[in-house]
Amino acid sequence: MKCAPLWMTAALLAGCASQERLTTVDTRSENVGHQRLRPQTGDGDGQVQAYSLGASEGYRMPQLYAAPDPEVGDRDPRAELAPTTICLQVVVDAQGSVERSMPLTDRQDCAAGAARENAPLLQAAQDAVAMWKYSSAAVCHFEAGKVPADRGDCRGAERVEPVAVTLQYAFTFEIVKGRHVVRTQGK
């Protein structure tokens, strides 16, 4: 029955040829991804205080499981924009919800977030991360003298203490002929 689809296609094309066709083009479509940045050492708003684990402690990283993409839409009327990176520091509470996000502008590759004309990009990124959900980060407390084989796995811990964390993300926005593209970068 491979002929049936070809026959139907030919019939549809013939029908289209006899009628005027209107085509709409979505000039505001977007593609997005994201990755976490590594903490930067030194002074600045991106500085993160490290926690030192004890000999019988482990740390379980938060896992991102719901992450809507930034949507710029009509917030930014520009038709062209060279790749522009906006960075955020995201505070995730002990339950895995985003408590708040702040712009990171102390890194050279993140400085565009401070520019007034990029406020719509920054707002789109902040609106998106406000809806992100994580499994909670935790400090795993093991029995005294017991060294866990995998310090990132809390199985077998006497006590699991969910903790708040700060994570950093970069979003690279680009507009080409009215089409929004957003990529994320990790460092």
N, C-alpha and C. Protein backbone atom coordinates (compact mmCIF):
# COMPACT_ATOMS: atom_id res chain seq x y z
N MET A 1 0.82 -1.20 0.00
CA MET A 1 0.00 0.00 0.00
C MET A 1 0.86 1.26 0.00
N LYS A 2 2.06 1.20 -0.49
CA LYS A 2 2.92 2.37 -0.54
C LYS A 2 2.41 3.39 -1.54
N CYS A 3 1.58 3.00 -2.47
CA CYS A 3 1.07 3.90 -3.49
C CYS A 3 0.03 4.86 -2.92
N ALA A 4 -0.73 4.43 -1.92
CA ALA A 4 -1.80 5.28 -1.38
C ALA A 4 -1.27 6.61 -0.86
N PRO A 5 -0.22 6.64 -0.05
CA PRO A 5 0.27 7.94 0.41
C PRO A 5 0.76 8.82 -0.74
N LEU A 6 1.39 8.27 -1.75
CA LEU A 6 1.83 9.06 -2.89
C LEU A 6 0.63 9.63 -3.65
N TRP A 7 -0.41 8.82 -3.81
CA TRP A 7 -1.61 9.27 -4.50
C TRP A 7 -2.27 10.41 -3.72
N MET A 8 -2.32 10.27 -2.37
CA MET A 8 -2.94 11.31 -1.55
C MET A 8 -2.13 12.60 -1.61
N THR A 9 -0.83 12.48 -1.62
CA THR A 9 0.04 13.65 -1.71
C THR A 9 -0.17 14.37 -3.03
N ALA A 10 -0.27 13.61 -4.11
CA ALA A 10 -0.49 14.21 -5.43
C ALA A 10 -1.83 14.93 -5.46
N ALA A 11 -2.86 14.35 -4.87
CA ALA A 11 -4.18 14.98 -4.85
C ALA A 11 -4.15 16.27 -4.04
N LEU A 12 -3.47 16.24 -2.91
CA LEU A 12 -3.38 17.45 -2.09
C LEU A 12 -2.62 18.55 -2.81
N LEU A 13 -1.53 18.20 -3.49
CA LEU A 13 -0.76 19.19 -4.23
C LEU A 13 -1.57 19.78 -5.38
N ALA A 14 -2.34 18.97 -6.04
CA ALA A 14 -3.18 19.46 -7.14
C ALA A 14 -4.23 20.42 -6.60
N GLY A 15 -4.81 20.10 -5.44
CA GLY A 15 -5.80 20.98 -4.84
C GLY A 15 -5.19 22.31 -4.43
N CYS A 16 -3.98 22.28 -3.92
CA CYS A 16 -3.29 23.50 -3.50
C CYS A 16 -2.94 24.37 -4.70
N ALA A 17 -2.62 23.78 -5.80
CA ALA A 17 -2.22 24.54 -6.99
C ALA A 17 -3.38 25.36 -7.53
N SER A 18 -4.61 24.94 -7.29
CA SER A 18 -5.75 25.66 -7.84
C SER A 18 -6.28 26.73 -6.90
N GLN A 19 -5.74 26.83 -5.68
CA GLN A 19 -6.22 27.83 -4.72
C GLN A 19 -5.07 28.72 -4.28
N GLU A 20 -5.41 29.95 -3.91
CA GLU A 20 -4.39 30.87 -3.38
C GLU A 20 -4.01 30.42 -1.98
N ARG A 21 -2.71 30.38 -1.70
CA ARG A 21 -2.24 29.93 -0.38
C ARG A 21 -1.67 31.10 0.40
N LEU A 22 -2.05 31.17 1.64
CA LEU A 22 -1.47 32.16 2.55
C LEU A 22 -0.53 31.41 3.48
N THR A 23 0.62 31.96 3.67
CA THR A 23 1.60 31.34 4.54
C THR A 23 1.95 32.30 5.65
N THR A 24 1.89 31.81 6.88
CA THR A 24 2.31 32.65 8.00
C THR A 24 3.65 32.11 8.50
N VAL A 25 4.50 33.00 8.90
CA VAL A 25 5.81 32.63 9.42
C VAL A 25 5.92 33.16 10.83
N ASP A 26 6.19 32.26 11.77
CA ASP A 26 6.38 32.67 13.16
C ASP A 26 7.79 33.21 13.31
N THR A 27 7.89 34.52 13.50
CA THR A 27 9.22 35.13 13.62
C THR A 27 9.68 35.23 15.07
N ARG A 28 8.91 34.71 16.01
CA ARG A 28 9.29 34.82 17.42
C ARG A 28 9.51 33.44 18.05
N SER A 29 9.80 32.42 17.27
CA SER A 29 10.03 31.10 17.86
C SER A 29 11.37 31.08 18.58
N GLU A 30 11.47 30.23 19.60
CA GLU A 30 12.67 30.20 20.43
C GLU A 30 13.11 28.77 20.71
N ASN A 31 14.39 28.56 20.86
CA ASN A 31 14.97 27.29 21.29
C ASN A 31 15.84 27.60 22.50
N VAL A 32 15.77 26.74 23.52
CA VAL A 32 16.49 27.04 24.76
C VAL A 32 17.12 25.78 25.35
N GLY A 33 18.23 25.95 26.01
CA GLY A 33 18.85 24.92 26.81
C GLY A 33 19.50 25.62 28.00
N HIS A 34 20.10 24.88 28.90
CA HIS A 34 20.79 25.54 30.01
C HIS A 34 21.84 24.62 30.60
N GLN A 35 22.83 25.21 31.22
CA GLN A 35 23.85 24.46 31.96
C GLN A 35 24.32 25.30 33.13
N ARG A 36 24.81 24.59 34.10
CA ARG A 36 25.29 25.25 35.31
C ARG A 36 26.71 25.76 35.10
N LEU A 37 27.00 26.93 35.65
CA LEU A 37 28.36 27.48 35.65
C LEU A 37 29.08 27.02 36.90
N ARG A 38 30.39 26.94 36.83
CA ARG A 38 31.18 26.64 38.02
C ARG A 38 31.35 27.92 38.82
N PRO A 39 31.37 27.80 40.13
CA PRO A 39 31.58 29.02 40.94
C PRO A 39 32.91 29.67 40.59
N GLN A 40 32.90 30.98 40.65
CA GLN A 40 34.10 31.76 40.36
C GLN A 40 34.78 32.12 41.67
N THR A 41 36.08 32.07 41.70
CA THR A 41 36.79 32.44 42.92
C THR A 41 37.05 33.93 42.91
N GLY A 42 37.21 34.51 44.06
CA GLY A 42 37.47 35.95 44.16
C GLY A 42 36.24 36.69 44.61
N ASP A 43 36.37 38.01 44.68
CA ASP A 43 35.25 38.84 45.13
C ASP A 43 34.26 39.04 44.00
N GLY A 44 33.03 39.41 44.38
CA GLY A 44 32.01 39.69 43.38
C GLY A 44 30.71 39.01 43.76
N ASP A 45 29.65 39.36 43.02
CA ASP A 45 28.34 38.83 43.36
C ASP A 45 28.20 37.36 42.98
N GLY A 46 29.17 36.77 42.28
CA GLY A 46 29.12 35.36 41.93
C GLY A 46 29.88 34.48 42.91
N GLN A 47 30.45 35.07 43.96
CA GLN A 47 31.24 34.29 44.89
C GLN A 47 30.34 33.38 45.71
N VAL A 48 30.77 32.13 45.90
CA VAL A 48 30.01 31.14 46.64
C VAL A 48 30.89 30.63 47.78
N GLN A 49 30.31 30.54 48.96
CA GLN A 49 31.04 30.00 50.10
C GLN A 49 30.96 28.48 50.06
N ALA A 50 32.09 27.82 50.11
CA ALA A 50 32.13 26.37 50.09
C ALA A 50 31.89 25.83 51.49
N TYR A 51 31.28 24.66 51.57
CA TYR A 51 31.05 23.98 52.84
C TYR A 51 32.04 22.83 52.91
N SER A 52 32.76 22.73 54.02
CA SER A 52 33.72 21.64 54.19
C SER A 52 33.02 20.46 54.85
N LEU A 53 33.09 19.30 54.20
CA LEU A 53 32.48 18.10 54.74
C LEU A 53 33.40 17.45 55.76
N GLY A 54 32.78 16.89 56.81
CA GLY A 54 33.53 16.11 57.78
C GLY A 54 33.86 14.74 57.20
N ALA A 55 34.71 14.00 57.90
CA ALA A 55 35.17 12.69 57.42
C ALA A 55 34.02 11.71 57.23
N SER A 56 32.96 11.82 58.01
CA SER A 56 31.84 10.88 57.89
C SER A 56 30.61 11.55 57.28
N GLU A 57 30.83 12.59 56.47
CA GLU A 57 29.72 13.27 55.80
C GLU A 57 29.86 13.15 54.28
N GLY A 58 28.73 13.26 53.64
CA GLY A 58 28.70 13.28 52.18
C GLY A 58 27.79 14.41 51.73
N TYR A 59 27.78 14.69 50.45
CA TYR A 59 26.94 15.75 49.91
C TYR A 59 26.25 15.24 48.65
N ARG A 60 24.93 15.35 48.63
CA ARG A 60 24.14 14.98 47.46
C ARG A 60 23.74 16.25 46.72
N MET A 61 24.15 16.33 45.46
CA MET A 61 23.82 17.49 44.61
C MET A 61 22.32 17.53 44.32
N PRO A 62 21.75 18.71 44.17
CA PRO A 62 20.36 18.80 43.75
C PRO A 62 20.25 18.35 42.29
N GLN A 63 19.13 17.76 41.93
CA GLN A 63 18.90 17.32 40.56
C GLN A 63 17.73 18.11 39.98
N LEU A 64 17.96 18.78 38.87
CA LEU A 64 16.92 19.56 38.21
C LEU A 64 15.99 18.61 37.47
N TYR A 65 14.68 18.66 37.76
CA TYR A 65 13.75 17.77 37.08
C TYR A 65 12.62 18.49 36.36
N ALA A 66 12.43 19.76 36.59
CA ALA A 66 11.43 20.53 35.85
C ALA A 66 12.05 21.88 35.53
N ALA A 67 12.24 22.18 34.23
CA ALA A 67 12.96 23.40 33.84
C ALA A 67 12.36 24.01 32.59
N PRO A 68 11.29 24.80 32.73
CA PRO A 68 10.77 25.48 31.54
C PRO A 68 11.82 26.42 30.97
N ASP A 69 11.83 26.54 29.66
CA ASP A 69 12.79 27.38 28.97
C ASP A 69 12.39 28.86 29.03
N PRO A 70 13.37 29.76 29.00
CA PRO A 70 13.04 31.19 28.92
C PRO A 70 12.29 31.49 27.62
N GLU A 71 11.29 32.34 27.72
CA GLU A 71 10.54 32.78 26.55
C GLU A 71 10.58 34.30 26.51
N VAL A 72 11.22 34.84 25.49
CA VAL A 72 11.34 36.29 25.37
C VAL A 72 10.06 36.86 24.77
N GLY A 73 9.57 36.25 23.70
CA GLY A 73 8.34 36.71 23.06
C GLY A 73 8.43 38.17 22.64
N ASP A 74 7.37 38.91 22.89
CA ASP A 74 7.29 40.31 22.46
C ASP A 74 7.97 41.28 23.43
N ARG A 75 8.56 40.79 24.50
CA ARG A 75 9.26 41.67 25.45
C ARG A 75 10.40 42.42 24.79
N ASP A 76 11.04 41.75 23.81
CA ASP A 76 12.20 42.34 23.15
C ASP A 76 11.86 42.57 21.69
N PRO A 77 11.70 43.82 21.28
CA PRO A 77 11.28 44.12 19.91
C PRO A 77 12.40 44.05 18.87
N ARG A 78 13.63 43.81 19.30
CA ARG A 78 14.75 43.80 18.35
C ARG A 78 14.57 42.67 17.32
N ALA A 79 14.97 42.96 16.10
CA ALA A 79 14.92 41.96 15.03
C ALA A 79 16.26 41.25 14.87
N GLU A 80 17.32 41.82 15.40
CA GLU A 80 18.67 41.24 15.32
C GLU A 80 19.36 41.42 16.67
N LEU A 81 20.11 40.40 17.07
CA LEU A 81 20.90 40.48 18.29
C LEU A 81 22.02 39.45 18.17
N ALA A 82 23.26 39.92 18.27
CA ALA A 82 24.40 39.01 18.29
C ALA A 82 24.31 38.16 19.56
N PRO A 83 24.94 36.99 19.59
CA PRO A 83 24.87 36.17 20.80
C PRO A 83 25.21 36.99 22.05
N THR A 84 24.29 36.98 23.01
CA THR A 84 24.40 37.79 24.22
C THR A 84 24.15 36.89 25.42
N THR A 85 25.13 36.83 26.33
CA THR A 85 25.03 35.93 27.48
C THR A 85 24.57 36.67 28.72
N ILE A 86 23.53 36.11 29.34
CA ILE A 86 22.96 36.60 30.59
C ILE A 86 23.18 35.50 31.61
N CYS A 87 23.71 35.84 32.79
CA CYS A 87 23.99 34.83 33.81
C CYS A 87 23.17 35.11 35.07
N LEU A 88 22.77 34.03 35.73
CA LEU A 88 22.00 34.14 36.96
C LEU A 88 22.61 33.28 38.05
N GLN A 89 22.52 33.78 39.26
CA GLN A 89 22.81 33.00 40.45
C GLN A 89 21.44 32.61 40.99
N VAL A 90 21.21 31.31 41.15
CA VAL A 90 19.90 30.80 41.54
C VAL A 90 20.01 30.19 42.93
N VAL A 91 19.17 30.66 43.86
CA VAL A 91 19.14 30.12 45.21
C VAL A 91 18.00 29.11 45.27
N VAL A 92 18.38 27.86 45.57
CA VAL A 92 17.42 26.76 45.67
C VAL A 92 17.27 26.42 47.15
N ASP A 93 16.02 26.44 47.66
CA ASP A 93 15.82 26.17 49.08
C ASP A 93 15.98 24.67 49.39
N ALA A 94 15.89 24.33 50.67
CA ALA A 94 16.10 22.96 51.11
C ALA A 94 15.03 21.99 50.59
N GLN A 95 13.91 22.52 50.10
CA GLN A 95 12.86 21.66 49.54
C GLN A 95 13.01 21.49 48.03
N GLY A 96 13.95 22.20 47.40
CA GLY A 96 14.19 22.06 45.97
C GLY A 96 13.46 23.08 45.11
N SER A 97 12.86 24.09 45.74
CA SER A 97 12.20 25.16 44.99
C SER A 97 13.15 26.35 44.85
N VAL A 98 13.00 27.09 43.77
CA VAL A 98 13.83 28.28 43.58
C VAL A 98 13.29 29.38 44.48
N GLU A 99 14.14 29.84 45.38
CA GLU A 99 13.78 30.91 46.31
C GLU A 99 13.89 32.27 45.61
N ARG A 100 14.98 32.45 44.85
CA ARG A 100 15.19 33.70 44.12
C ARG A 100 16.34 33.52 43.13
N SER A 101 16.47 34.48 42.23
CA SER A 101 17.62 34.51 41.32
C SER A 101 18.11 35.94 41.23
N MET A 102 19.42 36.07 41.05
CA MET A 102 20.03 37.38 40.94
C MET A 102 20.93 37.39 39.71
N PRO A 103 20.99 38.53 39.03
CA PRO A 103 21.90 38.63 37.88
C PRO A 103 23.36 38.51 38.32
N LEU A 104 24.14 37.81 37.53
CA LEU A 104 25.60 37.74 37.73
C LEU A 104 26.21 38.63 36.67
N THR A 105 26.93 39.63 37.07
CA THR A 105 27.54 40.52 36.10
C THR A 105 29.02 40.72 36.35
N ASP A 106 29.58 40.00 37.33
CA ASP A 106 30.99 40.17 37.67
C ASP A 106 31.93 39.35 36.79
N ARG A 107 31.40 38.50 35.96
CA ARG A 107 32.22 37.74 35.01
C ARG A 107 32.22 38.48 33.69
N GLN A 108 33.34 38.47 33.01
CA GLN A 108 33.43 39.19 31.73
C GLN A 108 32.38 38.68 30.74
N ASP A 109 32.17 37.36 30.68
CA ASP A 109 31.23 36.81 29.71
C ASP A 109 29.77 36.96 30.14
N CYS A 110 29.53 37.53 31.32
CA CYS A 110 28.17 37.73 31.82
C CYS A 110 27.79 39.21 31.92
N ALA A 111 28.69 40.10 31.56
CA ALA A 111 28.49 41.54 31.75
C ALA A 111 27.28 42.09 31.01
N ALA A 112 26.83 41.42 29.95
CA ALA A 112 25.69 41.91 29.18
C ALA A 112 24.41 41.98 30.01
N GLY A 113 24.36 41.24 31.10
CA GLY A 113 23.18 41.27 31.96
C GLY A 113 22.97 42.61 32.64
N ALA A 114 24.00 43.44 32.71
CA ALA A 114 23.89 44.76 33.33
C ALA A 114 23.41 45.83 32.36
N ALA A 115 23.42 45.53 31.06
CA ALA A 115 23.03 46.51 30.05
C ALA A 115 21.51 46.68 30.03
N ARG A 116 21.08 47.92 30.05
CA ARG A 116 19.65 48.25 30.09
C ARG A 116 18.87 47.61 28.93
N GLU A 117 19.46 47.60 27.73
CA GLU A 117 18.75 47.06 26.57
C GLU A 117 18.54 45.54 26.66
N ASN A 118 19.25 44.88 27.57
CA ASN A 118 19.11 43.43 27.73
C ASN A 118 18.18 43.05 28.87
N ALA A 119 17.51 44.03 29.46
CA ALA A 119 16.58 43.76 30.56
C ALA A 119 15.51 42.73 30.18
N PRO A 120 14.96 42.75 28.95
CA PRO A 120 13.96 41.72 28.60
C PRO A 120 14.55 40.30 28.61
N LEU A 121 15.81 40.16 28.25
CA LEU A 121 16.45 38.85 28.26
C LEU A 121 16.64 38.37 29.69
N LEU A 122 17.11 39.27 30.53
CA LEU A 122 17.31 38.96 31.94
C LEU A 122 15.98 38.56 32.59
N GLN A 123 14.94 39.31 32.30
CA GLN A 123 13.62 39.02 32.88
C GLN A 123 13.09 37.67 32.42
N ALA A 124 13.28 37.35 31.14
CA ALA A 124 12.83 36.05 30.61
C ALA A 124 13.55 34.91 31.33
N ALA A 125 14.86 35.05 31.55
CA ALA A 125 15.62 34.01 32.24
C ALA A 125 15.15 33.89 33.69
N GLN A 126 14.94 35.01 34.37
CA GLN A 126 14.50 34.96 35.76
C GLN A 126 13.09 34.38 35.89
N ASP A 127 12.21 34.72 34.98
CA ASP A 127 10.85 34.16 35.01
C ASP A 127 10.89 32.65 34.84
N ALA A 128 11.75 32.18 33.95
CA ALA A 128 11.84 30.73 33.70
C ALA A 128 12.40 30.00 34.93
N VAL A 129 13.52 30.48 35.47
CA VAL A 129 14.13 29.75 36.59
C VAL A 129 13.26 29.80 37.84
N ALA A 130 12.39 30.78 37.96
CA ALA A 130 11.48 30.85 39.12
C ALA A 130 10.56 29.63 39.16
N MET A 131 10.36 28.98 38.02
CA MET A 131 9.48 27.80 37.94
C MET A 131 10.26 26.48 37.99
N TRP A 132 11.58 26.53 38.01
CA TRP A 132 12.37 25.29 38.02
C TRP A 132 12.18 24.56 39.34
N LYS A 133 12.26 23.23 39.28
CA LYS A 133 12.12 22.37 40.46
C LYS A 133 13.29 21.39 40.51
N TYR A 134 13.80 21.18 41.70
CA TYR A 134 14.93 20.30 41.94
C TYR A 134 14.57 19.26 43.00
N SER A 135 15.26 18.12 42.96
CA SER A 135 15.27 17.27 44.15
C SER A 135 16.25 17.99 45.08
N SER A 136 16.01 17.92 46.37
CA SER A 136 16.81 18.75 47.27
C SER A 136 18.25 18.27 47.40
N ALA A 137 19.12 19.24 47.59
CA ALA A 137 20.52 18.95 47.93
C ALA A 137 20.51 18.51 49.38
N ALA A 138 21.51 17.75 49.78
CA ALA A 138 21.53 17.28 51.17
C ALA A 138 22.95 17.00 51.63
N VAL A 139 23.15 17.19 52.93
CA VAL A 139 24.36 16.73 53.59
C VAL A 139 23.97 15.39 54.22
N CYS A 140 24.75 14.37 53.92
CA CYS A 140 24.51 13.01 54.40
C CYS A 140 25.42 12.78 55.61
N HIS A 141 24.84 12.48 56.75
CA HIS A 141 25.61 12.25 57.97
C HIS A 141 25.68 10.75 58.22
N PHE A 142 26.89 10.20 58.13
CA PHE A 142 27.10 8.77 58.31
C PHE A 142 27.60 8.50 59.72
N GLU A 143 27.52 7.26 60.12
CA GLU A 143 27.99 6.82 61.41
C GLU A 143 29.45 7.24 61.61
N ALA A 144 29.80 7.65 62.84
CA ALA A 144 31.17 8.11 63.13
C ALA A 144 32.18 7.03 62.73
N GLY A 145 33.22 7.45 62.03
CA GLY A 145 34.26 6.53 61.59
C GLY A 145 33.94 5.79 60.31
N LYS A 146 32.71 5.88 59.86
CA LYS A 146 32.31 5.19 58.63
C LYS A 146 32.53 6.14 57.44
N VAL A 147 33.36 5.73 56.50
CA VAL A 147 33.62 6.54 55.32
C VAL A 147 32.75 6.00 54.19
N PRO A 148 31.84 6.81 53.68
CA PRO A 148 30.97 6.31 52.60
C PRO A 148 31.77 6.05 51.33
N ALA A 149 31.41 4.99 50.61
CA ALA A 149 32.08 4.67 49.35
C ALA A 149 31.82 5.76 48.31
N ASP A 150 30.58 6.24 48.28
CA ASP A 150 30.20 7.32 47.35
C ASP A 150 29.63 8.44 48.19
N ARG A 151 30.40 9.48 48.38
CA ARG A 151 29.98 10.59 49.25
C ARG A 151 28.81 11.38 48.68
N GLY A 152 28.43 11.12 47.44
CA GLY A 152 27.29 11.79 46.82
C GLY A 152 26.00 10.99 46.92
N ASP A 153 26.05 9.85 47.61
CA ASP A 153 24.89 8.97 47.76
C ASP A 153 24.55 8.89 49.24
N CYS A 154 23.36 9.27 49.61
CA CYS A 154 22.96 9.29 51.02
C CYS A 154 22.44 7.95 51.53
N ARG A 155 22.39 6.93 50.69
CA ARG A 155 21.92 5.62 51.18
C ARG A 155 22.85 5.15 52.29
N GLY A 156 22.23 4.67 53.36
CA GLY A 156 23.00 4.17 54.50
C GLY A 156 23.37 5.25 55.49
N ALA A 157 22.97 6.49 55.25
CA ALA A 157 23.29 7.58 56.19
C ALA A 157 22.39 7.50 57.42
N GLU A 158 22.94 7.87 58.57
CA GLU A 158 22.15 7.94 59.80
C GLU A 158 21.14 9.07 59.71
N ARG A 159 21.56 10.15 59.07
CA ARG A 159 20.69 11.33 58.97
C ARG A 159 20.96 12.02 57.64
N VAL A 160 19.89 12.46 56.99
CA VAL A 160 20.00 13.20 55.73
C VAL A 160 19.43 14.60 55.99
N GLU A 161 20.26 15.59 55.81
CA GLU A 161 19.88 16.97 56.10
C GLU A 161 19.73 17.76 54.79
N PRO A 162 18.47 17.99 54.34
CA PRO A 162 18.29 18.81 53.13
C PRO A 162 18.84 20.21 53.38
N VAL A 163 19.53 20.76 52.37
CA VAL A 163 20.14 22.08 52.51
C VAL A 163 19.84 22.95 51.30
N ALA A 164 19.87 24.26 51.53
CA ALA A 164 19.73 25.23 50.44
C ALA A 164 21.07 25.32 49.72
N VAL A 165 21.02 25.61 48.42
CA VAL A 165 22.24 25.75 47.63
C VAL A 165 22.11 26.94 46.69
N THR A 166 23.24 27.40 46.21
CA THR A 166 23.28 28.44 45.21
C THR A 166 23.95 27.86 43.97
N LEU A 167 23.29 27.99 42.82
CA LEU A 167 23.79 27.48 41.55
C LEU A 167 23.87 28.64 40.56
N GLN A 168 24.75 28.52 39.59
CA GLN A 168 24.92 29.59 38.61
C GLN A 168 24.68 29.03 37.20
N TYR A 169 23.94 29.81 36.41
CA TYR A 169 23.59 29.40 35.05
C TYR A 169 23.87 30.54 34.07
N ALA A 170 24.17 30.17 32.84
CA ALA A 170 24.37 31.14 31.76
C ALA A 170 23.39 30.83 30.65
N PHE A 171 22.75 31.85 30.11
CA PHE A 171 21.83 31.74 28.98
C PHE A 171 22.35 32.63 27.87
N THR A 172 22.52 32.10 26.68
CA THR A 172 22.96 32.92 25.56
C THR A 172 21.79 33.11 24.61
N PHE A 173 21.39 34.35 24.45
CA PHE A 173 20.27 34.72 23.59
C PHE A 173 20.81 35.23 22.26
N GLU A 174 20.10 34.93 21.21
CA GLU A 174 20.46 35.42 19.88
C GLU A 174 19.18 35.63 19.10
N ILE A 175 19.12 36.73 18.34
CA ILE A 175 17.97 36.98 17.46
C ILE A 175 18.51 37.13 16.05
N VAL A 176 18.03 36.28 15.17
CA VAL A 176 18.44 36.31 13.77
C VAL A 176 17.17 36.46 12.93
N LYS A 177 17.07 37.60 12.25
CA LYS A 177 15.90 37.89 11.41
C LYS A 177 14.59 37.69 12.16
N GLY A 178 14.57 38.19 13.39
CA GLY A 178 13.35 38.13 14.19
C GLY A 178 13.13 36.82 14.92
N ARG A 179 13.98 35.84 14.72
CA ARG A 179 13.82 34.54 15.36
C ARG A 179 14.72 34.48 16.59
N HIS A 180 14.12 34.22 17.75
CA HIS A 180 14.85 34.13 19.01
C HIS A 180 15.44 32.75 19.19
N VAL A 181 16.69 32.69 19.55
CA VAL A 181 17.36 31.44 19.87
C VAL A 181 18.06 31.65 21.22
N VAL A 182 17.89 30.70 22.14
CA VAL A 182 18.55 30.81 23.43
C VAL A 182 19.33 29.53 23.68
N ARG A 183 20.63 29.68 23.95
CA ARG A 183 21.49 28.54 24.28
C ARG A 183 22.05 28.79 25.67
N THR A 184 22.38 27.72 26.34
CA THR A 184 23.03 27.89 27.63
C THR A 184 24.44 27.38 27.56
N GLN A 185 25.25 27.90 28.43
CA GLN A 185 26.67 27.54 28.45
C GLN A 185 27.06 27.19 29.86
N GLY A 186 27.96 26.26 29.98
CA GLY A 186 28.53 25.92 31.27
C GLY A 186 30.01 26.22 31.24
N LYS A 187 30.57 26.56 32.34
CA LYS A 187 32.00 26.86 32.41
C LYS A 187 32.63 25.99 33.45
